[in-house]
C-alpha atoms as a PDB file:
ATOM      1  CA  UNK A   1      88.911  87.757  85.846  1.00  0.00           C
ATOM      2  CA  UNK A   2      86.172  86.819  88.715  1.00  0.00           C
ATOM      3  CA  UNK A   3      83.131  88.978  89.088  1.00  0.00           C
ATOM      4  CA  UNK A   4      82.883  88.443  92.396  1.00  0.00           C
ATOM      5  CA  UNK A   5      82.801  92.608  93.850  1.00  0.00           C
ATOM      6  CA  UNK A   6      86.617  93.023  95.080  1.00  0.00           C
ATOM      7  CA  UNK A   7      87.579  96.158  97.631  1.00  0.00           C
ATOM      8  CA  UNK A   8      90.781  98.365  96.679  1.00  0.00           C
ATOM      9  CA  UNK A   9      92.538 100.032  99.538  1.00  0.00           C
ATOM     10  CA  UNK A  10      94.928 102.630  97.143  1.00  0.00           C
ATOM     11  CA  UNK A  11      97.623 104.002  99.705  1.00  0.00           C
ATOM     12  CA  UNK A  12      99.313 106.848  98.103  1.00  0.00           C
ATOM     13  CA  UNK A  13      95.676 107.556  96.222  1.00  0.00           C
ATOM     14  CA  UNK A  14      96.947 111.564  95.239  1.00  0.00           C
ATOM     15  CA  UNK A  15     100.134 110.662  93.689  1.00  0.00           C
ATOM     16  CA  UNK A  16     100.965 109.714  90.180  1.00  0.00           C
ATOM     17  CA  UNK A  17     100.688 106.063  90.237  1.00  0.00           C
ATOM     18  CA  UNK A  18      97.729 105.643  92.903  1.00  0.00           C
ATOM     19  CA  UNK A  19      95.842 108.728  90.999  1.00  0.00           C
ATOM     20  CA  UNK A  20      96.383 106.658  87.767  1.00  0.00           C
ATOM     21  CA  UNK A  21      95.104 102.989  89.743  1.00  0.00           C
ATOM     22  CA  UNK A  22      92.268 104.390  90.664  1.00  0.00           C
ATOM     23  CA  UNK A  23      91.647 105.695  87.365  1.00  0.00           C
ATOM     24  CA  UNK A  24      92.066 102.470  85.896  1.00  0.00           C
ATOM     25  CA  UNK A  25      89.908 100.318  89.047  1.00  0.00           C
ATOM     26  CA  UNK A  26      87.226 103.065  87.780  1.00  0.00           C
ATOM     27  CA  UNK A  27      86.599 101.376  84.379  1.00  0.00           C
ATOM     28  CA  UNK A  28      86.173  97.710  85.836  1.00  0.00           C
ATOM     29  CA  UNK A  29      82.932  97.237  87.102  1.00  0.00           C
ATOM     30  CA  UNK A  30      83.752  94.513  90.285  1.00  0.00           C
ATOM     31  CA  UNK A  31      85.790  96.794  92.082  1.00  0.00           C
ATOM     32  CA  UNK A  32      84.923  99.076  94.707  1.00  0.00           C
ATOM     33  CA  UNK A  33      87.885 101.679  95.568  1.00  0.00           C
ATOM     34  CA  UNK A  34      89.098 103.350  99.119  1.00  0.00           C
ATOM     35  CA  UNK A  35      92.181 105.806  98.630  1.00  0.00           C
ATOM     36  CA  UNK A  36      94.110 107.044 101.332  1.00  0.00           C
ATOM     37  CA  UNK A  37      96.213 110.112 101.488  1.00  0.00           C
ATOM     38  CA  UNK A  38      97.369 112.936 103.744  1.00  0.00           C
ATOM     39  CA  UNK A  39      95.160 115.150 101.654  1.00  0.00           C
ATOM     40  CA  UNK A  40      91.880 113.272 101.122  1.00  0.00           C
ATOM     41  CA  UNK A  41      89.780 113.995  98.565  1.00  0.00           C
ATOM     42  CA  UNK A  42      86.095 114.201  96.988  1.00  0.00           C
ATOM     43  CA  UNK A  43      84.236 111.022  97.558  1.00  0.00           C
ATOM     44  CA  UNK A  44      81.476 109.742  94.849  1.00  0.00           C
ATOM     45  CA  UNK A  45      79.695 106.254  94.618  1.00  0.00           C
ATOM     46  CA  UNK A  46      82.750 104.194  93.026  1.00  0.00           C
ATOM     47  CA  UNK A  47      85.781 105.684  95.377  1.00  0.00           C
ATOM     48  CA  UNK A  48      85.955 106.800  98.556  1.00  0.00           C
ATOM     49  CA  UNK A  49      88.762 109.001  99.778  1.00  0.00           C
ATOM     50  CA  UNK A  50      89.597 109.092 102.944  1.00  0.00           C
ATOM     51  CA  UNK A  51      92.662 111.671 104.611  1.00  0.00           C
ATOM     52  CA  UNK A  52      94.611 109.771 107.279  1.00  0.00           C
ATOM     53  CA  UNK A  53      98.293 110.670 108.959  1.00  0.00           C
ATOM     54  CA  UNK A  54     100.030 107.530 108.239  1.00  0.00           C
ATOM     55  CA  UNK A  55     102.608 108.197 110.103  1.00  0.00           C
ATOM     56  CA  UNK A  56     100.821 108.031 113.020  1.00  0.00           C
ATOM     57  CA  UNK A  57     100.196 104.708 114.208  1.00  0.00           C
ATOM     58  CA  UNK A  58      96.561 106.124 115.970  1.00  0.00           C
ATOM     59  CA  UNK A  59      94.994 107.534 113.388  1.00  0.00           C
ATOM     60  CA  UNK A  60      96.229 105.022 110.873  1.00  0.00           C
ATOM     61  CA  UNK A  61      94.486 102.157 113.359  1.00  0.00           C
ATOM     62  CA  UNK A  62      91.480 104.657 113.166  1.00  0.00           C
ATOM     63  CA  UNK A  63      90.615 105.516 109.734  1.00  0.00           C
ATOM     64  CA  UNK A  64      91.134 101.952 108.594  1.00  0.00           C
ATOM     65  CA  UNK A  65      89.181 100.183 111.622  1.00  0.00           C
ATOM     66  CA  UNK A  66      85.726 100.558 109.889  1.00  0.00           C
ATOM     67  CA  UNK A  67      87.330  98.877 105.937  1.00  0.00           C
ATOM     68  CA  UNK A  68      86.349  95.123 106.828  1.00  0.00           C
ATOM     69  CA  UNK A  69      86.077  95.044 103.145  1.00  0.00           C
ATOM     70  CA  UNK A  70      89.037  95.444 101.922  1.00  0.00           C
ATOM     71  CA  UNK A  71      90.086  92.395  99.450  1.00  0.00           C
ATOM     72  CA  UNK A  72      93.372  94.092  98.013  1.00  0.00           C
ATOM     73  CA  UNK A  73      95.541  96.525  99.470  1.00  0.00           C
ATOM     74  CA  UNK A  74      97.560  98.776  96.933  1.00  0.00           C
ATOM     75  CA  UNK A  75     100.533 100.245  98.660  1.00  0.00           C
ATOM     76  CA  UNK A  76     102.288 103.240  96.755  1.00  0.00           C
ATOM     77  CA  UNK A  77     102.811 106.043  99.802  1.00  0.00           C
ATOM     78  CA  UNK A  78     105.750 107.648  99.937  1.00  0.00           C
ATOM     79  CA  UNK A  79     107.660 110.157 102.346  1.00  0.00           C
ATOM     80  CA  UNK A  80     110.514 112.175 101.049  1.00  0.00           C
ATOM     81  CA  UNK A  81     113.354 112.648 103.313  1.00  0.00           C
ATOM     82  CA  UNK A  82     116.736 114.684 102.276  1.00  0.00           C
ATOM     83  CA  UNK A  83     118.897 111.614 102.390  1.00  0.00           C
ATOM     84  CA  UNK A  84     118.477 107.407 101.491  1.00  0.00           C
ATOM     85  CA  UNK A  85     119.565 106.680 105.830  1.00  0.00           C
ATOM     86  CA  UNK A  86     116.371 109.013 106.519  1.00  0.00           C
ATOM     87  CA  UNK A  87     113.774 107.827 103.774  1.00  0.00           C
ATOM     88  CA  UNK A  88     114.346 104.490 105.932  1.00  0.00           C
ATOM     89  CA  UNK A  89     112.024 105.158 109.153  1.00  0.00           C
ATOM     90  CA  UNK A  90     108.911 106.679 107.817  1.00  0.00           C
ATOM     91  CA  UNK A  91     108.612 103.902 104.533  1.00  0.00           C
ATOM     92  CA  UNK A  92     109.104 101.450 106.997  1.00  0.00           C
ATOM     93  CA  UNK A  93     106.382 102.609 109.516  1.00  0.00           C
ATOM     94  CA  UNK A  94     103.972 103.414 107.239  1.00  0.00           C
ATOM     95  CA  UNK A  95     103.623 100.378 105.980  1.00  0.00           C
ATOM     96  CA  UNK A  96     103.898  99.107 108.732  1.00  0.00           C
ATOM     97  CA  UNK A  97     101.132 100.767 110.654  1.00  0.00           C
ATOM     98  CA  UNK A  98      98.735  99.933 107.163  1.00  0.00           C
ATOM     99  CA  UNK A  99      99.062  96.107 107.909  1.00  0.00           C
ATOM    100  CA  UNK A 100      98.616  96.361 111.541  1.00  0.00           C
ATOM    101  CA  UNK A 101      95.358  98.176 111.187  1.00  0.00           C
ATOM    102  CA  UNK A 102      93.768  96.363 107.876  1.00  0.00           C
ATOM    103  CA  UNK A 103      94.812  92.719 109.036  1.00  0.00           C
ATOM    104  CA  UNK A 104      92.435  92.212 112.136  1.00  0.00           C
ATOM    105  CA  UNK A 105      89.758  93.686 110.512  1.00  0.00           C
ATOM    106  CA  UNK A 106      90.167  92.610 106.872  1.00  0.00           C
ATOM    107  CA  UNK A 107      89.309  88.908 106.909  1.00  0.00           C
ATOM    108  CA  UNK A 108      89.206  88.411 103.344  1.00  0.00           C
ATOM    109  CA  UNK A 109      92.159  90.245 102.694  1.00  0.00           C
ATOM    110  CA  UNK A 110      93.245  88.421  99.737  1.00  0.00           C
ATOM    111  CA  UNK A 111      96.538  90.558  98.436  1.00  0.00           C
ATOM    112  CA  UNK A 112      98.941  93.046  99.207  1.00  0.00           C
ATOM    113  CA  UNK A 113     100.880  94.765  96.268  1.00  0.00           C
ATOM    114  CA  UNK A 114     103.756  96.725  96.943  1.00  0.00           C
ATOM    115  CA  UNK A 115     104.896 100.023  94.773  1.00  0.00           C
ATOM    116  CA  UNK A 116     109.007  99.907  94.140  1.00  0.00           C
ATOM    117  CA  UNK A 117     111.298 101.295  91.956  1.00  0.00           C
ATOM    118  CA  UNK A 118     114.598 100.391  90.683  1.00  0.00           C
ATOM    119  CA  UNK A 119     115.926 101.762  93.831  1.00  0.00           C
ATOM    120  CA  UNK A 120     115.663  98.056  94.714  1.00  0.00           C
ATOM    121  CA  UNK A 121     118.408  97.257  92.299  1.00  0.00           C
ATOM    122  CA  UNK A 122     120.821 100.535  93.213  1.00  0.00           C
ATOM    123  CA  UNK A 123     119.813 102.270  90.472  1.00  0.00           C
ATOM    124  CA  UNK A 124     119.739 106.098  92.185  1.00  0.00           C
ATOM    125  CA  UNK A 125     123.182 105.088  93.493  1.00  0.00           C
ATOM    126  CA  UNK A 126     125.376 105.149  90.812  1.00  0.00           C
ATOM    127  CA  UNK A 127     126.127 102.914  87.219  1.00  0.00           C
ATOM    128  CA  UNK A 128     124.456  98.967  88.423  1.00  0.00           C
ATOM    129  CA  UNK A 129     124.090  95.984  86.249  1.00  0.00           C
ATOM    130  CA  UNK A 130     121.723  96.356  83.279  1.00  0.00           C
ATOM    131  CA  UNK A 131     119.434  94.928  82.478  1.00  0.00           C
ATOM    132  CA  UNK A 132     118.421  94.610  86.424  1.00  0.00           C
ATOM    133  CA  UNK A 133     116.382  91.662  87.157  1.00  0.00           C
ATOM    134  CA  UNK A 134     113.948  90.693  90.123  1.00  0.00           C
ATOM    135  CA  UNK A 135     116.780  88.129  90.791  1.00  0.00           C
ATOM    136  CA  UNK A 136     119.428  90.323  91.545  1.00  0.00           C
ATOM    137  CA  UNK A 137     120.990  90.427  95.243  1.00  0.00           C
ATOM    138  CA  UNK A 138     120.265  93.021  97.861  1.00  0.00           C
ATOM    139  CA  UNK A 139     123.633  95.549  98.771  1.00  0.00           C
ATOM    140  CA  UNK A 140     124.800  97.107 101.686  1.00  0.00           C
ATOM    141  CA  UNK A 141     121.623  98.847 103.483  1.00  0.00           C
ATOM    142  CA  UNK A 142     120.171 101.627 104.166  1.00  0.00           C
ATOM    143  CA  UNK A 143     117.364 100.909 101.231  1.00  0.00           C
ATOM    144  CA  UNK A 144     113.900 101.152 102.324  1.00  0.00           C
ATOM    145  CA  UNK A 145     112.535  99.067  99.638  1.00  0.00           C
ATOM    146  CA  UNK A 146     114.467  96.178 100.559  1.00  0.00           C
ATOM    147  CA  UNK A 147     113.110  96.532 104.200  1.00  0.00           C
ATOM    148  CA  UNK A 148     109.595  97.276 103.054  1.00  0.00           C
ATOM    149  CA  UNK A 149     109.382  93.821 101.050  1.00  0.00           C
ATOM    150  CA  UNK A 150     111.495  91.461 104.001  1.00  0.00           C
ATOM    151  CA  UNK A 151     108.900  93.037 106.712  1.00  0.00           C
ATOM    152  CA  UNK A 152     105.903  91.989 103.428  1.00  0.00           C
ATOM    153  CA  UNK A 153     107.653  89.106 103.211  1.00  0.00           C
ATOM    154  CA  UNK A 154     107.446  87.997 106.810  1.00  0.00           C
ATOM    155  CA  UNK A 155     103.737  89.057 107.715  1.00  0.00           C
ATOM    156  CA  UNK A 156     102.630  87.235 105.090  1.00  0.00           C
ATOM    157  CA  UNK A 157     103.839  83.868 106.220  1.00  0.00           C
ATOM    158  CA  UNK A 158     101.320  81.680 106.980  1.00  0.00           C
ATOM    159  CA  UNK A 159      98.847  83.779 106.220  1.00  0.00           C
ATOM    160  CA  UNK A 160      96.202  83.417 102.918  1.00  0.00           C
ATOM    161  CA  UNK A 161      96.707  86.756 101.587  1.00  0.00           C
ATOM    162  CA  UNK A 162      99.563  87.214  99.177  1.00  0.00           C
ATOM    163  CA  UNK A 163     101.941  89.839  97.694  1.00  0.00           C
ATOM    164  CA  UNK A 164     103.656  91.112  94.705  1.00  0.00           C
ATOM    165  CA  UNK A 165     106.411  93.832  94.589  1.00  0.00           C
ATOM    166  CA  UNK A 166     105.865  96.389  91.662  1.00  0.00           C
ATOM    167  CA  UNK A 167     108.681  97.766  90.131  1.00  0.00           C
ATOM    168  CA  UNK A 168     108.339 100.335  87.974  1.00  0.00           C
ATOM    169  CA  UNK A 169     111.188 102.387  85.932  1.00  0.00           C
ATOM    170  CA  UNK A 170     110.224 106.516  86.189  1.00  0.00           C
ATOM    171  CA  UNK A 171     107.069 106.625  85.953  1.00  0.00           C
ATOM    172  CA  UNK A 172     105.189 109.092  83.464  1.00  0.00           C
ATOM    173  CA  UNK A 173     101.707 110.109  84.201  1.00  0.00           C
ATOM    174  CA  UNK A 174      99.553 112.972  86.041  1.00  0.00           C
ATOM    175  CA  UNK A 175      99.547 113.981  89.398  1.00  0.00           C
ATOM    176  CA  UNK A 176      99.877 117.996  91.347  1.00  0.00           C
ATOM    177  CA  UNK A 177     101.893 118.467  94.172  1.00  0.00           C
ATOM    178  CA  UNK A 178     103.838 115.427  93.084  1.00  0.00           C
ATOM    179  CA  UNK A 179     107.988 115.508  94.082  1.00  0.00           C
ATOM    180  CA  UNK A 180     108.316 112.898  91.526  1.00  0.00           C
ATOM    181  CA  UNK A 181     106.801 113.622  87.956  1.00  0.00           C
ATOM    182  CA  UNK A 182     109.052 114.006  85.342  1.00  0.00           C
ATOM    183  CA  UNK A 183     106.922 114.408  82.899  1.00  0.00           C
ATOM    184  CA  UNK A 184     105.103 117.537  84.418  1.00  0.00           C
ATOM    185  CA  UNK A 185     108.490 119.033  85.018  1.00  0.00           C
ATOM    186  CA  UNK A 186     109.880 118.664  81.505  1.00  0.00           C
ATOM    187  CA  UNK A 187     106.588 120.322  80.519  1.00  0.00           C
ATOM    188  CA  UNK A 188     107.002 123.614  82.486  1.00  0.00           C
ATOM    189  CA  UNK A 189     110.357 123.599  81.737  1.00  0.00           C
ATOM    190  CA  UNK A 190     109.704 123.830  78.108  1.00  0.00           C
ATOM    191  CA  UNK A 191     106.987 125.478  78.283  1.00  0.00           C
ATOM    192  CA  UNK A 192     108.566 128.126  79.832  1.00  0.00           C
ATOM    193  CA  UNK A 193     111.905 128.093  77.324  1.00  0.00           C
ATOM    194  CA  UNK A 194     109.314 128.994  75.251  1.00  0.00           C
ATOM    195  CA  UNK A 195     107.616 132.169  76.735  1.00  0.00           C
ATOM    196  CA  UNK A 196     111.495 132.912  77.158  1.00  0.00           C
ATOM    197  CA  UNK A 197     112.260 132.741  73.491  1.00  0.00           C
ATOM    198  CA  UNK A 198     115.210 130.534  74.508  1.00  0.00           C
ATOM    199  CA  UNK A 199     116.345 126.819  72.756  1.00  0.00           C
ATOM    200  CA  UNK A 200     115.537 124.053  74.620  1.00  0.00           C
ATOM    201  CA  UNK A 201     118.272 122.820  76.517  1.00  0.00           C
ATOM    202  CA  UNK A 202     119.352 119.522  77.968  1.00  0.00           C
ATOM    203  CA  UNK A 203     119.634 120.527  82.013  1.00  0.00           C
ATOM    204  CA  UNK A 204     121.492 117.320  82.307  1.00  0.00           C
ATOM    205  CA  UNK A 205     124.981 115.861  83.744  1.00  0.00           C
ATOM    206  CA  UNK A 206     127.697 115.508  81.168  1.00  0.00           C
ATOM    207  CA  UNK A 207     127.190 111.929  79.713  1.00  0.00           C
ATOM    208  CA  UNK A 208     123.208 111.477  80.706  1.00  0.00           C
ATOM    209  CA  UNK A 209     122.469 112.546  77.221  1.00  0.00           C
ATOM    210  CA  UNK A 210     123.428 109.569  75.482  1.00  0.00           C
ATOM    211  CA  UNK A 211     123.005 106.775  77.953  1.00  0.00           C
ATOM    212  CA  UNK A 212     120.289 104.446  77.759  1.00  0.00           C
ATOM    213  CA  UNK A 213     116.953 104.355  79.655  1.00  0.00           C
ATOM    214  CA  UNK A 214     113.598 103.559  80.133  1.00  0.00           C
ATOM    215  CA  UNK A 215     110.225 104.629  81.406  1.00  0.00           C
ATOM    216  CA  UNK A 216     106.931 103.260  82.798  1.00  0.00           C
ATOM    217  CA  UNK A 217     103.648 104.736  81.391  1.00  0.00           C
ATOM    218  CA  UNK A 218     101.041 105.227  84.646  1.00  0.00           C
ATOM    219  CA  UNK A 219      98.389 103.448  82.927  1.00  0.00           C
ATOM    220  CA  UNK A 220     100.494 100.699  81.992  1.00  0.00           C
ATOM    221  CA  UNK A 221     101.702 100.410  85.321  1.00  0.00           C
ATOM    222  CA  UNK A 222      98.032 100.555  86.637  1.00  0.00           C
ATOM    223  CA  UNK A 223      97.118  97.459  84.392  1.00  0.00           C
ATOM    224  CA  UNK A 224     100.135  95.663  85.550  1.00  0.00           C
ATOM    225  CA  UNK A 225      99.310  96.216  88.910  1.00  0.00           C
ATOM    226  CA  UNK A 226      95.933  94.963  88.908  1.00  0.00           C
ATOM    227  CA  UNK A 227      96.876  91.514  86.575  1.00  0.00           C
ATOM    228  CA  UNK A 228      99.635  90.680  89.050  1.00  0.00           C
ATOM    229  CA  UNK A 229      97.009  91.436  91.823  1.00  0.00           C
ATOM    230  CA  UNK A 230      94.636  89.298  90.765  1.00  0.00           C
ATOM    231  CA  UNK A 231      96.268  86.487  88.635  1.00  0.00           C
ATOM    232  CA  UNK A 232      97.245  83.471  90.763  1.00  0.00           C
ATOM    233  CA  UNK A 233     100.573  82.836  88.951  1.00  0.00           C
ATOM    234  CA  UNK A 234     102.113  85.994  90.131  1.00  0.00           C
ATOM    235  CA  UNK A 235     101.417  85.211  94.280  1.00  0.00           C
ATOM    236  CA  UNK A 236     104.603  86.348  96.106  1.00  0.00           C
ATOM    237  CA  UNK A 237     106.552  87.463  93.203  1.00  0.00           C
ATOM    238  CA  UNK A 238     108.382  90.729  92.241  1.00  0.00           C
ATOM    239  CA  UNK A 239     107.926  92.022  88.305  1.00  0.00           C
ATOM    240  CA  UNK A 240     109.858  94.716  86.032  1.00  0.00           C
ATOM    241  CA  UNK A 241     107.084  96.799  84.537  1.00  0.00           C
ATOM    242  CA  UNK A 242     108.065  99.174  81.837  1.00  0.00           C
ATOM    243  CA  UNK A 243     107.472 100.461  78.474  1.00  0.00           C
ATOM    244  CA  UNK A 244     109.106  97.963  76.450  1.00  0.00           C
ATOM    245  CA  UNK A 245     111.171 100.230  74.815  1.00  0.00           C
ATOM    246  CA  UNK A 246     114.382 101.729  75.177  1.00  0.00           C
ATOM    247  CA  UNK A 247     115.372 105.755  74.462  1.00  0.00           C
ATOM    248  CA  UNK A 248     118.236 108.223  74.553  1.00  0.00           C
ATOM    249  CA  UNK A 249     117.480 111.612  75.832  1.00  0.00           C
ATOM    250  CA  UNK A 250     120.049 112.730  72.570  1.00  0.00           C
ATOM    251  CA  UNK A 251     116.844 111.594  70.467  1.00  0.00           C
ATOM    252  CA  UNK A 252     114.170 112.334  72.848  1.00  0.00           C
ATOM    253  CA  UNK A 253     114.870 115.587  73.451  1.00  0.00           C
ATOM    254  CA  UNK A 254     114.598 116.428  69.977  1.00  0.00           C
ATOM    255  CA  UNK A 255     111.160 115.364  69.973  1.00  0.00           C
ATOM    256  CA  UNK A 256     110.339 117.234  72.923  1.00  0.00           C
ATOM    257  CA  UNK A 257     111.262 120.348  70.904  1.00  0.00           C
ATOM    258  CA  UNK A 258     109.421 119.390  68.444  1.00  0.00           C
ATOM    259  CA  UNK A 259     106.097 118.890  70.616  1.00  0.00           C
ATOM    260  CA  UNK A 260     106.499 122.859  71.769  1.00  0.00           C
ATOM    261  CA  UNK A 261     107.710 123.763  68.640  1.00  0.00           C
ATOM    262  CA  UNK A 262     111.453 125.310  70.024  1.00  0.00           C
ATOM    263  CA  UNK A 263     114.833 124.714  68.741  1.00  0.00           C
ATOM    264  CA  UNK A 264     117.393 122.685  70.644  1.00  0.00           C
ATOM    265  CA  UNK A 265     120.756 124.093  71.896  1.00  0.00           C
ATOM    266  CA  UNK A 266     123.755 121.719  72.841  1.00  0.00           C
ATOM    267  CA  UNK A 267     123.175 120.540  76.161  1.00  0.00           C
ATOM    268  CA  UNK A 268     124.002 122.400  79.151  1.00  0.00           C
ATOM    269  CA  UNK A 269     124.428 121.504  82.966  1.00  0.00           C
ATOM    270  CA  UNK A 270     122.011 123.101  84.760  1.00  0.00           C
ATOM    271  CA  UNK A 271     120.519 122.459  88.371  1.00  0.00           C
ATOM    272  CA  UNK A 272     116.897 123.097  87.916  1.00  0.00           C
ATOM    273  CA  UNK A 273     116.370 123.103  91.276  1.00  0.00           C
ATOM    274  CA  UNK A 274     118.429 126.087  91.070  1.00  0.00           C
ATOM    275  CA  UNK A 275     117.429 127.849  88.610  1.00  0.00           C
ATOM    276  CA  UNK A 276     114.018 127.418  88.342  1.00  0.00           C
ATOM    277  CA  UNK A 277     113.223 128.260  91.847  1.00  0.00           C
ATOM    278  CA  UNK A 278     112.916 132.003  91.544  1.00  0.00           C
ATOM    279  CA  UNK A 279     110.592 131.027  88.417  1.00  0.00           C
ATOM    280  CA  UNK A 280     107.427 131.602  90.767  1.00  0.00           C
ATOM    281  CA  UNK A 281     106.875 135.568  88.873  1.00  0.00           C
ATOM    282  CA  UNK A 282     107.143 134.132  85.059  1.00  0.00           C
ATOM    283  CA  UNK A 283     104.359 131.233  85.825  1.00  0.00           C
ATOM    284  CA  UNK A 284     101.910 134.079  86.970  1.00  0.00           C
ATOM    285  CA  UNK A 285     102.280 135.786  83.857  1.00  0.00           C
ATOM    286  CA  UNK A 286     102.065 132.764  81.935  1.00  0.00           C
ATOM    287  CA  UNK A 287      98.759 131.609  83.653  1.00  0.00           C
ATOM    288  CA  UNK A 288      97.342 134.863  83.513  1.00  0.00           C
ATOM    289  CA  UNK A 289      98.761 135.701  79.546  1.00  0.00           C
ATOM    290  CA  UNK A 290      97.357 131.544  78.472  1.00  0.00           C
ATOM    291  CA  UNK A 291      94.184 131.623  80.943  1.00  0.00           C
ATOM    292  CA  UNK A 292      95.682 128.476  82.506  1.00  0.00           C
ATOM    293  CA  UNK A 293      94.245 126.867  85.517  1.00  0.00           C
ATOM    294  CA  UNK A 294      95.732 129.179  88.891  1.00  0.00           C
ATOM    295  CA  UNK A 295      97.629 126.070  89.982  1.00  0.00           C
ATOM    296  CA  UNK A 296     100.666 126.844  92.886  1.00  0.00           C
ATOM    297  CA  UNK A 297     103.761 127.078  91.186  1.00  0.00           C
ATOM    298  CA  UNK A 298     105.122 124.457  94.337  1.00  0.00           C
ATOM    299  CA  UNK A 299     102.315 121.931  92.609  1.00  0.00           C
ATOM    300  CA  UNK A 300     104.106 121.455  89.354  1.00  0.00           C
ATOM    301  CA  UNK A 301     107.300 121.588  90.195  1.00  0.00           C
ATOM    302  CA  UNK A 302     109.709 118.375  90.513  1.00  0.00           C
ATOM    303  CA  UNK A 303     112.735 119.786  89.619  1.00  0.00           C
ATOM    304  CA  UNK A 304     114.914 117.964  92.540  1.00  0.00           C
ATOM    305  CA  UNK A 305     113.983 114.850  91.170  1.00  0.00           C
ATOM    306  CA  UNK A 306     113.858 115.546  87.331  1.00  0.00           C
ATOM    307  CA  UNK A 307     117.692 116.621  88.159  1.00  0.00           C
ATOM    308  CA  UNK A 308     117.941 113.347  89.440  1.00  0.00           C
ATOM    309  CA  UNK A 309     116.936 111.762  86.503  1.00  0.00           C
ATOM    310  CA  UNK A 310     119.126 114.033  84.391  1.00  0.00           C
ATOM    311  CA  UNK A 311     122.207 113.408  86.426  1.00  0.00           C
ATOM    312  CA  UNK A 312     121.991 109.517  85.532  1.00  0.00           C
ATOM    313  CA  UNK A 313     125.370 109.563  83.206  1.00  0.00           C
ATOM    314  CA  UNK A 314     124.512 105.704  83.268  1.00  0.00           C
ATOM    315  CA  UNK A 315     122.647 103.368  81.637  1.00  0.00           C
ATOM    316  CA  UNK A 316     119.021 103.173  83.272  1.00  0.00           C
ATOM    317  CA  UNK A 317     116.977  99.912  82.399  1.00  0.00           C
ATOM    318  CA  UNK A 318     115.235  96.575  83.929  1.00  0.00           C
ATOM    319  CA  UNK A 319     114.516  93.515  82.124  1.00  0.00           C
ATOM    320  CA  UNK A 320     110.912  93.284  81.697  1.00  0.00           C
ATOM    321  CA  UNK A 321     110.628  89.621  80.092  1.00  0.00           C
ATOM    322  CA  UNK A 322     109.253  88.061  83.666  1.00  0.00           C
ATOM    323  CA  UNK A 323     105.648  89.961  83.478  1.00  0.00           C
ATOM    324  CA  UNK A 324     105.265  88.610  79.731  1.00  0.00           C
ATOM    325  CA  UNK A 325     106.623  84.991  81.056  1.00  0.00           C
ATOM    326  CA  UNK A 326     103.654  85.142  83.458  1.00  0.00           C
ATOM    327  CA  UNK A 327     101.061  86.390  80.876  1.00  0.00           C
ATOM    328  CA  UNK A 328     101.365  90.329  80.884  1.00  0.00           C
ATOM    329  CA  UNK A 329     101.910  91.041  77.274  1.00  0.00           C
ATOM    330  CA  UNK A 330     100.885  95.032  77.023  1.00  0.00           C
ATOM    331  CA  UNK A 331     103.725  98.003  75.985  1.00  0.00           C
ATOM    332  CA  UNK A 332     103.613 101.330  75.094  1.00  0.00           C
ATOM    333  CA  UNK A 333     105.349 103.405  72.975  1.00  0.00           C
ATOM    334  CA  UNK A 334     107.495 106.312  75.357  1.00  0.00           C
ATOM    335  CA  UNK A 335     107.490 109.005  72.532  1.00  0.00           C
ATOM    336  CA  UNK A 336     103.768 108.452  72.278  1.00  0.00           C
ATOM    337  CA  UNK A 337     103.344 108.392  75.995  1.00  0.00           C
ATOM    338  CA  UNK A 338     105.120 111.883  76.467  1.00  0.00           C
ATOM    339  CA  UNK A 339     103.407 113.224  73.467  1.00  0.00           C
ATOM    340  CA  UNK A 340      99.843 112.117  75.063  1.00  0.00           C
ATOM    341  CA  UNK A 341     100.656 113.355  78.789  1.00  0.00           C
ATOM    342  CA  UNK A 342     101.773 117.017  76.965  1.00  0.00           C
ATOM    343  CA  UNK A 343      98.268 117.166  75.375  1.00  0.00           C
ATOM    344  CA  UNK A 344      96.616 115.834  78.663  1.00  0.00           C
ATOM    345  CA  UNK A 345      98.059 118.361  80.366  1.00  0.00           C
ATOM    346  CA  UNK A 346      97.292 121.435  77.641  1.00  0.00           C
ATOM    347  CA  UNK A 347      93.688 119.741  77.826  1.00  0.00           C
ATOM    348  CA  UNK A 348      93.642 120.479  81.489  1.00  0.00           C
ATOM    349  CA  UNK A 349      94.938 123.908  81.357  1.00  0.00           C
ATOM    350  CA  UNK A 350      97.975 123.402  82.826  1.00  0.00           C
ATOM    351  CA  UNK A 351     100.348 124.702  80.215  1.00  0.00           C
ATOM    352  CA  UNK A 352     100.377 126.751  77.167  1.00  0.00           C
END
């Protein structure tokens, strides 16, 4: 990797993906980092945080206008909406606003990295072809990830910069206040089960317990994202990034239960979004009893997303061999990933 100083603009800096990407970039001496998010953050000598409303074109332009030294954009922002169709306008608009603002001022722009996922393959809609490959055809819209990639491809034509599309599976990492944090949802669900003296039941849809799926460690994803953004072979390519192993909940769930010193009981379909909605008093009791950090219950609740993942009564995995063929050879054992994340949540006093 070149020793020339590069400046990363991490868009979506407070999410699971953006936060862990910044943590990785901090370890690299040849990078400066600027993080964009709605909430902003505490800046230091290595990372500058900027609060910006990406849905507001004028605010985006004003905040990004001074950032002429940016060389790499890592786009991982996301706005949630109730339906697939409603996701399209805000998520495409935010990417467009970033490009409109940064392209005219960043004369040394080298690369734009777009974070995607298996929605590109229709994994959220129902049973789809597995293993999913980067060459798989698009499907009937709406799908904002397709629209974002088409926008990026069109904007790159005739430009000196290149792009990559990074496609992880479900990402495991640390972040609070994020609507898509499966590992934290599991940790809180298990901790509450233990507090209530009940076994750990898999709450998913019938059939989901026995299907094949995979995950992507946030640290692994960060390293792969930077690799793809700085290796010339990867220019204008898409890559599936996954841990490299497959699992079924019928094996992983007992492992998770053992970690929390819980018994298991037969799966029972539950809407976590419903049954966990009234658990804030229990959460407050747990915080007081176990001297946990006073995080708001809403900041550790990703119940809707957990329900979504646990509803997959079909296989959910992609072919990660393209990244290996292009030169990225790292992998992570998913059991070890879960255990490390749970350990981290405990160190941070998020769970007992």
